[in-house]
Amino acid sequence: MVDYEGIFFDDEEVKKIQKYELNHLGNIHEKVHCTFIYKPTNDQIYDELLNKEISIYLISYGSSKNNSGFEVEIPDEYMRYYNNYDIEGNYVKPHLTASISDNGKAKDTHNLKFTPLKEKIKITGKFGYWIKEDNGEEYLSFEPQKKTI
C-alpha cells in the first residue's frame, strides 16, 4: 500500500542538501524526499509521474533541537499534483526533512520557522512511492501502483 508519494533524492543529492544544512541532527530518513501526498487515494496515485526526474529548489531553511529541514519550491507544472495536508487537515507547504534528533519526528518539520536562503538551490530527484506493507515492511518503489478494476 502506498504510504506516501513524492520526489526522492539519491545519495549525491542528499550530500548536496546536507551541505546547506546549518544544524545537522543525527538521523536522516532512509530516503530523503519531498512528500506530495500522504496516504493517497487511488485517484491520487500519479503513475504518470513515476520515475520522472523533477527539479525543485531549496528556498528557506529551519531547524530546532528535533528537526532540520528546508522549505522547497516546486515548479508550477507539478504543483497540481501536490496535495499534502497534516492530520488536522491543514495544508502543508512543500518541504523536506534533512535530519532529525533521536526525539524528532519528520512529520513535524513543516512546523519549523523557515528563514529564506540567499539564493535558491536546485536539487533533482525522482518521483516514486514509499510503500508500507501490512507485515510492516517498508521500501521505495518506482513501480506503478494505481489499481484498476
N, C-alpha and C. Protein backbone atom coordinates (compact mmCIF):
# COMPACT_ATOMS: atom_id res chain seq x y z
N MET A 1 0.85 -1.18 0.00
CA MET A 1 0.00 0.00 0.00
C MET A 1 0.89 1.24 0.00
N VAL A 2 0.51 2.24 -0.78
CA VAL A 2 1.28 3.48 -0.84
C VAL A 2 1.04 4.27 0.44
N ASP A 3 2.12 4.50 1.21
CA ASP A 3 2.03 5.30 2.44
C ASP A 3 2.10 6.78 2.08
N TYR A 4 3.03 7.12 1.18
CA TYR A 4 3.09 8.48 0.63
C TYR A 4 3.85 8.44 -0.68
N GLU A 5 3.68 9.51 -1.45
CA GLU A 5 4.35 9.62 -2.73
C GLU A 5 5.01 10.99 -2.83
N GLY A 6 6.04 11.05 -3.63
CA GLY A 6 6.73 12.32 -3.78
C GLY A 6 8.03 12.17 -4.53
N ILE A 7 8.91 13.15 -4.35
CA ILE A 7 10.21 13.17 -5.01
C ILE A 7 11.24 12.65 -4.03
N PHE A 8 11.99 11.64 -4.46
CA PHE A 8 13.00 11.00 -3.63
C PHE A 8 14.39 11.32 -4.20
N PHE A 9 15.34 11.56 -3.30
CA PHE A 9 16.66 12.03 -3.70
C PHE A 9 17.71 10.97 -3.46
N ASP A 10 18.63 10.81 -4.44
CA ASP A 10 19.71 9.84 -4.30
C ASP A 10 20.80 10.38 -3.37
N ASP A 11 21.80 9.56 -3.10
CA ASP A 11 22.84 9.91 -2.14
C ASP A 11 23.59 11.19 -2.51
N GLU A 12 23.85 11.39 -3.80
CA GLU A 12 24.57 12.61 -4.22
C GLU A 12 23.75 13.86 -3.92
N GLU A 13 22.47 13.81 -4.17
CA GLU A 13 21.61 14.97 -3.89
C GLU A 13 21.46 15.18 -2.39
N VAL A 14 21.43 14.09 -1.62
CA VAL A 14 21.34 14.21 -0.16
C VAL A 14 22.59 14.91 0.37
N LYS A 15 23.76 14.57 -0.17
CA LYS A 15 25.00 15.26 0.23
C LYS A 15 24.91 16.75 -0.07
N LYS A 16 24.34 17.08 -1.20
CA LYS A 16 24.15 18.49 -1.59
C LYS A 16 23.23 19.19 -0.59
N ILE A 17 22.13 18.54 -0.25
CA ILE A 17 21.18 19.09 0.72
C ILE A 17 21.87 19.32 2.06
N GLN A 18 22.63 18.33 2.51
CA GLN A 18 23.29 18.43 3.81
C GLN A 18 24.37 19.52 3.83
N LYS A 19 24.92 19.83 2.68
CA LYS A 19 25.92 20.90 2.58
C LYS A 19 25.33 22.25 3.01
N TYR A 20 24.03 22.42 2.80
CA TYR A 20 23.37 23.68 3.15
C TYR A 20 22.64 23.62 4.49
N GLU A 21 22.68 22.48 5.13
CA GLU A 21 22.02 22.30 6.42
C GLU A 21 22.92 22.87 7.53
N LEU A 22 22.42 23.84 8.26
CA LEU A 22 23.22 24.50 9.28
C LEU A 22 23.27 23.74 10.60
N ASN A 23 22.26 22.97 10.90
CA ASN A 23 22.15 22.27 12.18
C ASN A 23 21.87 20.80 11.90
N HIS A 24 22.92 20.05 11.52
CA HIS A 24 22.71 18.64 11.19
C HIS A 24 22.48 17.84 12.47
N LEU A 25 21.33 17.18 12.50
CA LEU A 25 20.98 16.33 13.63
C LEU A 25 21.34 14.89 13.26
N GLY A 26 21.32 14.00 14.19
CA GLY A 26 21.90 12.67 13.99
C GLY A 26 21.26 11.75 12.97
N ASN A 27 19.98 11.86 12.73
CA ASN A 27 19.28 10.85 11.94
C ASN A 27 18.70 11.43 10.66
N ILE A 28 18.82 10.67 9.57
CA ILE A 28 18.14 11.04 8.34
C ILE A 28 17.27 9.86 7.92
N HIS A 29 16.20 10.16 7.19
CA HIS A 29 15.29 9.12 6.70
C HIS A 29 16.05 8.23 5.73
N GLU A 30 15.65 6.99 5.66
CA GLU A 30 16.28 6.05 4.73
C GLU A 30 16.33 6.63 3.31
N LYS A 31 15.29 7.36 2.93
CA LYS A 31 15.24 8.02 1.63
C LYS A 31 14.71 9.44 1.83
N VAL A 32 15.60 10.42 1.71
CA VAL A 32 15.20 11.82 1.84
C VAL A 32 14.25 12.14 0.68
N HIS A 33 13.19 12.87 0.98
CA HIS A 33 12.13 13.08 0.00
C HIS A 33 11.33 14.35 0.30
N CYS A 34 10.56 14.75 -0.69
CA CYS A 34 9.55 15.80 -0.53
C CYS A 34 8.20 15.12 -0.78
N THR A 35 7.41 14.98 0.28
CA THR A 35 6.11 14.31 0.17
C THR A 35 5.13 15.17 -0.61
N PHE A 36 4.47 14.55 -1.59
CA PHE A 36 3.40 15.23 -2.33
C PHE A 36 2.04 14.92 -1.71
N ILE A 37 1.83 13.66 -1.35
CA ILE A 37 0.57 13.24 -0.74
C ILE A 37 0.85 12.12 0.26
N TYR A 38 0.30 12.27 1.45
CA TYR A 38 0.37 11.24 2.47
C TYR A 38 -0.92 10.44 2.42
N LYS A 39 -0.82 9.13 2.41
CA LYS A 39 -1.98 8.23 2.36
C LYS A 39 -2.89 8.55 1.16
N PRO A 40 -2.35 8.49 -0.07
CA PRO A 40 -3.17 8.85 -1.23
C PRO A 40 -4.30 7.85 -1.50
N THR A 41 -5.38 8.37 -2.05
CA THR A 41 -6.44 7.50 -2.56
C THR A 41 -5.98 6.99 -3.92
N ASN A 42 -6.67 6.04 -4.48
CA ASN A 42 -6.31 5.52 -5.80
C ASN A 42 -6.28 6.64 -6.84
N ASP A 43 -7.21 7.59 -6.75
CA ASP A 43 -7.25 8.71 -7.70
C ASP A 43 -6.08 9.68 -7.51
N GLN A 44 -5.40 9.60 -6.38
CA GLN A 44 -4.26 10.48 -6.11
C GLN A 44 -2.92 9.79 -6.34
N ILE A 45 -2.94 8.62 -6.91
CA ILE A 45 -1.70 7.91 -7.25
C ILE A 45 -1.35 8.30 -8.68
N TYR A 46 -0.19 8.93 -8.83
CA TYR A 46 0.18 9.54 -10.10
C TYR A 46 1.25 8.74 -10.82
N ASP A 47 0.85 7.59 -11.35
CA ASP A 47 1.79 6.74 -12.09
C ASP A 47 2.39 7.48 -13.29
N GLU A 48 1.70 8.49 -13.80
CA GLU A 48 2.23 9.24 -14.96
C GLU A 48 3.50 10.01 -14.60
N LEU A 49 3.74 10.25 -13.31
CA LEU A 49 4.96 10.93 -12.88
C LEU A 49 6.06 9.95 -12.47
N LEU A 50 5.72 8.70 -12.35
CA LEU A 50 6.63 7.68 -11.85
C LEU A 50 7.96 7.68 -12.60
N ASN A 51 9.06 7.69 -11.84
CA ASN A 51 10.43 7.68 -12.38
C ASN A 51 10.84 8.98 -13.07
N LYS A 52 9.96 9.95 -13.12
CA LYS A 52 10.29 11.22 -13.76
C LYS A 52 11.26 11.99 -12.88
N GLU A 53 12.33 12.49 -13.49
CA GLU A 53 13.26 13.35 -12.78
C GLU A 53 12.63 14.74 -12.67
N ILE A 54 12.54 15.24 -11.44
CA ILE A 54 11.92 16.53 -11.18
C ILE A 54 12.89 17.37 -10.35
N SER A 55 13.15 18.57 -10.83
CA SER A 55 14.00 19.51 -10.09
C SER A 55 13.13 20.44 -9.27
N ILE A 56 13.50 20.61 -8.02
CA ILE A 56 12.85 21.56 -7.13
C ILE A 56 13.95 22.45 -6.54
N TYR A 57 13.56 23.44 -5.76
CA TYR A 57 14.53 24.38 -5.21
C TYR A 57 14.39 24.50 -3.71
N LEU A 58 15.52 24.43 -3.01
CA LEU A 58 15.54 24.76 -1.59
C LEU A 58 15.44 26.27 -1.51
N ILE A 59 14.45 26.80 -0.77
CA ILE A 59 14.29 28.26 -0.74
C ILE A 59 14.45 28.85 0.66
N SER A 60 14.26 28.05 1.70
CA SER A 60 14.46 28.54 3.06
C SER A 60 14.81 27.37 3.97
N TYR A 61 15.41 27.70 5.09
CA TYR A 61 15.90 26.68 6.00
C TYR A 61 15.38 26.94 7.41
N GLY A 62 15.10 25.86 8.14
CA GLY A 62 14.69 25.98 9.54
C GLY A 62 15.21 24.81 10.34
N SER A 63 15.41 25.05 11.63
CA SER A 63 15.84 23.95 12.50
C SER A 63 15.41 24.22 13.93
N SER A 64 15.35 23.15 14.68
CA SER A 64 15.06 23.19 16.11
C SER A 64 15.94 22.12 16.74
N LYS A 65 15.72 21.82 18.01
CA LYS A 65 16.51 20.76 18.64
C LYS A 65 16.13 19.37 18.10
N ASN A 66 14.96 19.27 17.45
CA ASN A 66 14.50 17.98 16.96
C ASN A 66 14.42 17.82 15.45
N ASN A 67 14.29 18.92 14.72
CA ASN A 67 14.09 18.85 13.27
C ASN A 67 14.97 19.85 12.54
N SER A 68 15.40 19.46 11.35
CA SER A 68 16.16 20.32 10.47
C SER A 68 15.64 20.08 9.06
N GLY A 69 15.28 21.15 8.37
CA GLY A 69 14.72 20.94 7.04
C GLY A 69 14.64 22.20 6.22
N PHE A 70 14.15 22.03 5.01
CA PHE A 70 14.06 23.10 4.04
C PHE A 70 12.64 23.23 3.51
N GLU A 71 12.20 24.47 3.34
CA GLU A 71 11.01 24.73 2.55
C GLU A 71 11.47 24.69 1.11
N VAL A 72 10.65 24.13 0.23
CA VAL A 72 11.06 23.98 -1.17
C VAL A 72 10.04 24.62 -2.10
N GLU A 73 10.52 24.95 -3.28
CA GLU A 73 9.66 25.48 -4.35
C GLU A 73 9.56 24.40 -5.42
N ILE A 74 8.34 24.06 -5.75
CA ILE A 74 8.07 23.05 -6.77
C ILE A 74 7.60 23.78 -8.03
N PRO A 75 8.14 23.44 -9.20
CA PRO A 75 7.68 24.10 -10.43
C PRO A 75 6.16 24.01 -10.59
N ASP A 76 5.58 25.08 -11.14
CA ASP A 76 4.13 25.17 -11.29
C ASP A 76 3.51 23.95 -11.96
N GLU A 77 4.19 23.39 -12.95
CA GLU A 77 3.63 22.26 -13.69
C GLU A 77 3.40 21.03 -12.81
N TYR A 78 4.07 20.97 -11.63
CA TYR A 78 3.90 19.83 -10.73
C TYR A 78 3.07 20.16 -9.50
N MET A 79 2.80 21.42 -9.29
CA MET A 79 2.03 21.81 -8.10
C MET A 79 0.61 21.25 -8.12
N ARG A 80 0.08 20.98 -9.28
CA ARG A 80 -1.29 20.41 -9.33
C ARG A 80 -1.32 19.00 -8.73
N TYR A 81 -0.15 18.37 -8.61
CA TYR A 81 -0.04 17.04 -8.01
C TYR A 81 0.23 17.12 -6.51
N TYR A 82 0.62 18.28 -6.05
CA TYR A 82 0.98 18.44 -4.64
C TYR A 82 -0.30 18.64 -3.82
N ASN A 83 -0.53 17.76 -2.87
CA ASN A 83 -1.78 17.76 -2.12
C ASN A 83 -1.50 17.27 -0.70
N ASN A 84 -0.60 17.97 0.00
CA ASN A 84 -0.14 17.49 1.30
C ASN A 84 -0.83 18.24 2.43
N TYR A 85 -1.47 17.49 3.33
CA TYR A 85 -2.18 18.04 4.48
C TYR A 85 -1.76 17.28 5.73
N ASP A 86 -1.75 17.97 6.87
CA ASP A 86 -1.41 17.29 8.12
C ASP A 86 -2.64 16.54 8.63
N ILE A 87 -2.49 15.85 9.76
CA ILE A 87 -3.60 15.02 10.27
C ILE A 87 -4.81 15.84 10.70
N GLU A 88 -4.60 17.15 10.95
CA GLU A 88 -5.73 18.02 11.29
C GLU A 88 -6.41 18.59 10.04
N GLY A 89 -5.86 18.28 8.85
CA GLY A 89 -6.45 18.76 7.61
C GLY A 89 -5.91 20.10 7.14
N ASN A 90 -4.82 20.57 7.75
CA ASN A 90 -4.23 21.85 7.35
C ASN A 90 -3.22 21.63 6.22
N TYR A 91 -3.25 22.54 5.25
CA TYR A 91 -2.31 22.48 4.13
C TYR A 91 -0.88 22.60 4.64
N VAL A 92 0.02 21.79 4.11
CA VAL A 92 1.42 21.80 4.49
C VAL A 92 2.23 22.31 3.31
N LYS A 93 2.98 23.40 3.52
CA LYS A 93 3.83 23.94 2.46
C LYS A 93 4.87 22.90 2.06
N PRO A 94 5.24 22.86 0.79
CA PRO A 94 6.26 21.90 0.35
C PRO A 94 7.56 22.07 1.13
N HIS A 95 8.10 20.97 1.61
CA HIS A 95 9.32 20.98 2.41
C HIS A 95 9.96 19.60 2.37
N LEU A 96 11.17 19.52 2.90
CA LEU A 96 11.79 18.22 3.09
C LEU A 96 12.54 18.23 4.41
N THR A 97 12.59 17.08 5.03
CA THR A 97 13.32 16.91 6.28
C THR A 97 14.75 16.52 5.94
N ALA A 98 15.71 17.31 6.42
CA ALA A 98 17.12 16.99 6.19
C ALA A 98 17.62 16.01 7.25
N SER A 99 17.26 16.26 8.51
CA SER A 99 17.65 15.35 9.59
C SER A 99 16.76 15.59 10.80
N ILE A 100 16.76 14.61 11.71
CA ILE A 100 16.01 14.73 12.96
C ILE A 100 16.87 14.20 14.10
N SER A 101 16.53 14.61 15.33
CA SER A 101 17.20 14.09 16.52
C SER A 101 16.58 12.75 16.89
N ASP A 102 17.09 12.12 17.93
CA ASP A 102 16.51 10.86 18.40
C ASP A 102 15.06 11.05 18.83
N ASN A 103 14.70 12.26 19.26
CA ASN A 103 13.33 12.54 19.71
C ASN A 103 12.48 13.18 18.63
N GLY A 104 13.09 13.50 17.48
CA GLY A 104 12.37 14.20 16.41
C GLY A 104 11.50 13.29 15.58
N LYS A 105 10.53 13.90 14.93
CA LYS A 105 9.64 13.20 14.01
C LYS A 105 9.58 14.01 12.72
N ALA A 106 9.83 13.35 11.60
CA ALA A 106 9.86 14.04 10.31
C ALA A 106 8.56 14.79 10.04
N LYS A 107 7.45 14.27 10.53
CA LYS A 107 6.16 14.91 10.28
C LYS A 107 6.06 16.31 10.90
N ASP A 108 6.98 16.64 11.82
CA ASP A 108 6.94 17.95 12.47
C ASP A 108 7.78 19.01 11.76
N THR A 109 8.51 18.63 10.72
CA THR A 109 9.39 19.58 10.04
C THR A 109 8.62 20.77 9.49
N HIS A 110 7.41 20.56 9.01
CA HIS A 110 6.66 21.68 8.42
C HIS A 110 6.34 22.77 9.45
N ASN A 111 6.48 22.48 10.75
CA ASN A 111 6.20 23.47 11.78
C ASN A 111 7.39 24.39 12.08
N LEU A 112 8.54 24.13 11.47
CA LEU A 112 9.72 24.96 11.72
C LEU A 112 9.51 26.38 11.21
N LYS A 113 10.23 27.31 11.82
CA LYS A 113 10.27 28.68 11.30
C LYS A 113 11.38 28.71 10.26
N PHE A 114 11.02 28.93 9.02
CA PHE A 114 11.98 28.90 7.92
C PHE A 114 12.50 30.30 7.62
N THR A 115 13.81 30.40 7.41
CA THR A 115 14.46 31.65 7.05
C THR A 115 14.91 31.54 5.60
N PRO A 116 14.57 32.52 4.76
CA PRO A 116 14.95 32.45 3.34
C PRO A 116 16.47 32.30 3.15
N LEU A 117 16.83 31.48 2.18
CA LEU A 117 18.23 31.33 1.80
C LEU A 117 18.64 32.51 0.93
N LYS A 118 19.92 32.77 0.82
CA LYS A 118 20.42 33.87 0.00
C LYS A 118 20.09 33.66 -1.47
N GLU A 119 20.10 32.40 -1.89
CA GLU A 119 19.72 32.06 -3.26
C GLU A 119 19.07 30.68 -3.28
N LYS A 120 18.26 30.43 -4.29
CA LYS A 120 17.62 29.13 -4.44
C LYS A 120 18.68 28.10 -4.81
N ILE A 121 18.50 26.89 -4.29
CA ILE A 121 19.42 25.79 -4.57
C ILE A 121 18.64 24.69 -5.27
N LYS A 122 19.04 24.37 -6.49
CA LYS A 122 18.36 23.36 -7.29
C LYS A 122 18.81 21.96 -6.87
N ILE A 123 17.83 21.10 -6.63
CA ILE A 123 18.09 19.69 -6.38
C ILE A 123 17.14 18.87 -7.27
N THR A 124 17.56 17.69 -7.64
CA THR A 124 16.78 16.87 -8.55
C THR A 124 16.60 15.47 -7.98
N GLY A 125 15.38 14.99 -8.07
CA GLY A 125 15.07 13.64 -7.60
C GLY A 125 14.12 12.96 -8.56
N LYS A 126 13.68 11.78 -8.17
CA LYS A 126 12.73 11.01 -8.98
C LYS A 126 11.43 10.82 -8.21
N PHE A 127 10.34 10.89 -8.95
CA PHE A 127 9.02 10.68 -8.36
C PHE A 127 8.82 9.18 -8.12
N GLY A 128 8.39 8.86 -6.91
CA GLY A 128 8.15 7.46 -6.57
C GLY A 128 7.20 7.33 -5.39
N TYR A 129 7.10 6.10 -4.89
CA TYR A 129 6.16 5.78 -3.81
C TYR A 129 6.90 5.14 -2.64
N TRP A 130 6.55 5.55 -1.43
CA TRP A 130 7.03 4.85 -0.24
C TRP A 130 5.93 3.86 0.12
N ILE A 131 6.27 2.59 0.11
CA ILE A 131 5.30 1.52 0.33
C ILE A 131 5.42 1.02 1.76
N LYS A 132 4.29 0.83 2.40
CA LYS A 132 4.26 0.21 3.73
C LYS A 132 3.31 -0.98 3.63
N GLU A 133 3.90 -2.17 3.74
CA GLU A 133 3.12 -3.41 3.64
C GLU A 133 2.42 -3.71 4.97
N ASP A 134 1.38 -4.54 4.91
CA ASP A 134 0.66 -4.94 6.12
C ASP A 134 1.57 -5.64 7.13
N ASN A 135 2.61 -6.31 6.64
CA ASN A 135 3.53 -7.03 7.53
C ASN A 135 4.59 -6.10 8.15
N GLY A 136 4.50 -4.79 7.87
CA GLY A 136 5.43 -3.83 8.44
C GLY A 136 6.62 -3.49 7.56
N GLU A 137 6.82 -4.23 6.48
CA GLU A 137 7.93 -3.96 5.56
C GLU A 137 7.70 -2.61 4.87
N GLU A 138 8.77 -1.81 4.77
CA GLU A 138 8.70 -0.50 4.11
C GLU A 138 9.81 -0.39 3.09
N TYR A 139 9.50 0.23 1.95
CA TYR A 139 10.51 0.38 0.90
C TYR A 139 10.05 1.41 -0.14
N LEU A 140 11.03 1.87 -0.91
CA LEU A 140 10.80 2.80 -2.01
C LEU A 140 10.49 2.01 -3.26
N SER A 141 9.46 2.42 -4.00
CA SER A 141 9.10 1.74 -5.24
C SER A 141 8.95 2.74 -6.38
N PHE A 142 9.42 2.32 -7.54
CA PHE A 142 9.21 3.08 -8.76
C PHE A 142 8.36 2.26 -9.73
N GLU A 143 7.53 1.38 -9.16
CA GLU A 143 6.62 0.54 -9.95
C GLU A 143 5.20 1.12 -9.88
N PRO A 144 4.43 1.00 -10.98
CA PRO A 144 3.05 1.51 -10.96
C PRO A 144 2.25 0.92 -9.80
N GLN A 145 1.41 1.75 -9.20
CA GLN A 145 0.62 1.33 -8.03
C GLN A 145 -0.88 1.53 -8.22
N LYS A 146 -1.27 2.22 -9.27
CA LYS A 146 -2.69 2.51 -9.47
C LYS A 146 -3.44 1.20 -9.70
N LYS A 147 -4.51 1.05 -8.97
CA LYS A 147 -5.32 -0.16 -9.10
C LYS A 147 -6.42 0.08 -10.14
N THR A 148 -6.58 -0.87 -11.02
CA THR A 148 -7.66 -0.80 -11.99
C THR A 148 -8.64 -1.92 -11.70
N ILE A 149 -9.92 -1.62 -11.88
CA ILE A 149 -10.96 -2.62 -11.59
C ILE A 149 -11.46 -3.22 -12.88
